Amino acid sequence: MAEHSKYQQNIIRNYYDNRETISLQRAQELVTELYLTEGKKRAKHWEQLEGHLLKLSVKQETIDHLVQQDDPQLAAQLIQRLSREAG
């Protein structure tokens, strides 16, 4: 494994310290995209959202329900609740 400089170590540490915030922000962006897209692109956005929700410790059953319903409004409500809990 390559040695990282002190600067690189700091960047890596900051990323992992803020990982939850980054996932929450990206999930919010994906919900917006879900409202605007259809077809294959929409399915891809659901897959990406699923990954970010897993990083935010959302139960798999909840995620499966959201994907099955294919309703961005339900996802937006969940993201809003997660945002309030984080803040």
C-alpha atoms as a PDB file:
ATOM      1  CA  MET A   1       0.000   0.000   0.000  1.00  0.00           C
ATOM      2  CA  ALA A   2       1.339   3.405  -0.929  1.00  0.00           C
ATOM      3  CA  GLU A   3       2.146   5.860   1.803  1.00  0.00           C
ATOM      4  CA  HIS A   4      -0.125   8.893   1.851  1.00  0.00           C
ATOM      5  CA  SER A   5       1.141  12.358   2.602  1.00  0.00           C
ATOM      6  CA  LYS A   6      -0.204  14.142   5.658  1.00  0.00           C
ATOM      7  CA  TYR A   7      -2.380  16.273   3.351  1.00  0.00           C
ATOM      8  CA  GLN A   8      -3.851  13.173   1.661  1.00  0.00           C
ATOM      9  CA  GLN A   9      -4.464  11.530   5.031  1.00  0.00           C
ATOM     10  CA  ASN A  10      -6.367  14.626   6.131  1.00  0.00           C
ATOM     11  CA  ILE A  11      -8.540  14.565   2.995  1.00  0.00           C
ATOM     12  CA  ILE A  12      -9.309  10.852   3.484  1.00  0.00           C
ATOM     13  CA  ARG A  13     -10.154  11.391   7.179  1.00  0.00           C
ATOM     14  CA  ASN A  14     -12.445  14.326   6.355  1.00  0.00           C
ATOM     15  CA  TYR A  15     -14.253  12.257   3.728  1.00  0.00           C
ATOM     16  CA  TYR A  16     -15.012   9.475   6.188  1.00  0.00           C
ATOM     17  CA  ASP A  17     -15.973  11.966   8.903  1.00  0.00           C
ATOM     18  CA  ASN A  18     -18.512  13.555   6.541  1.00  0.00           C
ATOM     19  CA  ARG A  19     -19.643  10.421   4.723  1.00  0.00           C
ATOM     20  CA  GLU A  20     -23.142  10.507   6.185  1.00  0.00           C
ATOM     21  CA  THR A  21     -23.643  14.140   5.161  1.00  0.00           C
ATOM     22  CA  ILE A  22     -22.350  13.405   1.659  1.00  0.00           C
ATOM     23  CA  SER A  23     -24.739  10.441   1.278  1.00  0.00           C
ATOM     24  CA  LEU A  24     -27.675  12.484   2.550  1.00  0.00           C
ATOM     25  CA  GLN A  25     -26.972  15.307   0.103  1.00  0.00           C
ATOM     26  CA  ARG A  26     -26.596  12.905  -2.826  1.00  0.00           C
ATOM     27  CA  ALA A  27     -29.834  11.151  -1.831  1.00  0.00           C
ATOM     28  CA  GLN A  28     -31.622  14.510  -1.929  1.00  0.00           C
ATOM     29  CA  GLU A  29     -30.248  15.152  -5.411  1.00  0.00           C
ATOM     30  CA  LEU A  30     -31.349  11.709  -6.590  1.00  0.00           C
ATOM     31  CA  VAL A  31     -34.909  12.263  -5.351  1.00  0.00           C
ATOM     32  CA  THR A  32     -35.034  15.388  -7.504  1.00  0.00           C
ATOM     33  CA  GLU A  33     -33.783  13.350 -10.465  1.00  0.00           C
ATOM     34  CA  LEU A  34     -36.487  10.724  -9.833  1.00  0.00           C
ATOM     35  CA  TYR A  35     -39.162  13.375 -10.307  1.00  0.00           C
ATOM     36  CA  LEU A  36     -37.670  14.359 -13.662  1.00  0.00           C
ATOM     37  CA  THR A  37     -36.726  11.036 -15.285  1.00  0.00           C
ATOM     38  CA  GLU A  38     -38.451   7.989 -16.740  1.00  0.00           C
ATOM     39  CA  GLY A  39     -37.518   4.533 -17.953  1.00  0.00           C
ATOM     40  CA  LYS A  40     -34.031   3.098 -17.653  1.00  0.00           C
ATOM     41  CA  LYS A  41     -32.564   6.280 -16.248  1.00  0.00           C
ATOM     42  CA  ARG A  42     -35.161   6.316 -13.474  1.00  0.00           C
ATOM     43  CA  ALA A  43     -34.310   2.711 -12.572  1.00  0.00           C
ATOM     44  CA  LYS A  44     -30.633   3.652 -12.405  1.00  0.00           C
ATOM     45  CA  HIS A  45     -31.436   6.546 -10.065  1.00  0.00           C
ATOM     46  CA  TRP A  46     -33.382   4.176  -7.805  1.00  0.00           C
ATOM     47  CA  GLU A  47     -30.343   1.858  -7.675  1.00  0.00           C
ATOM     48  CA  GLN A  48     -28.057   4.742  -6.761  1.00  0.00           C
ATOM     49  CA  LEU A  49     -30.511   5.984  -4.136  1.00  0.00           C
ATOM     50  CA  GLU A  50     -30.659   2.497  -2.655  1.00  0.00           C
ATOM     51  CA  GLY A  51     -26.885   2.520  -2.168  1.00  0.00           C
ATOM     52  CA  HIS A  52     -26.927   5.904  -0.440  1.00  0.00           C
ATOM     53  CA  LEU A  53     -29.819   4.921   1.813  1.00  0.00           C
ATOM     54  CA  LEU A  54     -27.916   1.802   2.868  1.00  0.00           C
ATOM     55  CA  LYS A  55     -24.965   4.035   3.820  1.00  0.00           C
ATOM     56  CA  LEU A  56     -27.416   6.047   5.928  1.00  0.00           C
ATOM     57  CA  SER A  57     -28.434   2.846   7.795  1.00  0.00           C
ATOM     58  CA  VAL A  58     -31.957   2.640   6.368  1.00  0.00           C
ATOM     59  CA  LYS A  59     -33.378  -0.883   6.634  1.00  0.00           C
ATOM     60  CA  GLN A  60     -33.413  -2.945   3.444  1.00  0.00           C
ATOM     61  CA  GLU A  61     -37.163  -3.621   3.838  1.00  0.00           C
ATOM     62  CA  THR A  62     -37.851   0.122   3.796  1.00  0.00           C
ATOM     63  CA  ILE A  63     -35.693   0.607   0.713  1.00  0.00           C
ATOM     64  CA  ASP A  64     -37.360  -2.310  -1.071  1.00  0.00           C
ATOM     65  CA  HIS A  65     -40.775  -0.809  -0.303  1.00  0.00           C
ATOM     66  CA  LEU A  66     -39.724   2.570  -1.729  1.00  0.00           C
ATOM     67  CA  VAL A  67     -38.380   1.007  -4.911  1.00  0.00           C
ATOM     68  CA  GLN A  68     -41.477  -1.165  -5.316  1.00  0.00           C
ATOM     69  CA  GLN A  69     -43.812   1.827  -4.893  1.00  0.00           C
ATOM     70  CA  ASP A  70     -41.706   3.865  -7.366  1.00  0.00           C
ATOM     71  CA  ASP A  71     -42.937   7.057  -5.705  1.00  0.00           C
ATOM     72  CA  PRO A  72     -40.367   9.842  -5.341  1.00  0.00           C
ATOM     73  CA  GLN A  73     -42.612  11.589  -2.821  1.00  0.00           C
ATOM     74  CA  LEU A  74     -42.222   8.707  -0.356  1.00  0.00           C
ATOM     75  CA  ALA A  75     -38.462   8.827  -0.823  1.00  0.00           C
ATOM     76  CA  ALA A  76     -38.498  12.604  -0.312  1.00  0.00           C
ATOM     77  CA  GLN A  77     -40.390  12.206   2.965  1.00  0.00           C
ATOM     78  CA  LEU A  78     -37.855   9.658   4.190  1.00  0.00           C
ATOM     79  CA  ILE A  79     -34.928  11.885   3.188  1.00  0.00           C
ATOM     80  CA  GLN A  80     -36.552  14.847   4.925  1.00  0.00           C
ATOM     81  CA  ARG A  81     -36.950  12.831   8.129  1.00  0.00           C
ATOM     82  CA  LEU A  82     -33.328  11.646   7.938  1.00  0.00           C
ATOM     83  CA  SER A  83     -32.208  15.227   7.388  1.00  0.00           C
ATOM     84  CA  ARG A  84     -34.058  16.422  10.494  1.00  0.00           C
ATOM     85  CA  GLU A  85     -32.542  13.607  12.567  1.00  0.00           C
ATOM     86  CA  ALA A  86     -29.025  14.403  11.330  1.00  0.00           C
ATOM     87  CA  GLY A  87     -29.356  18.150  11.905  1.00  0.00           C
END
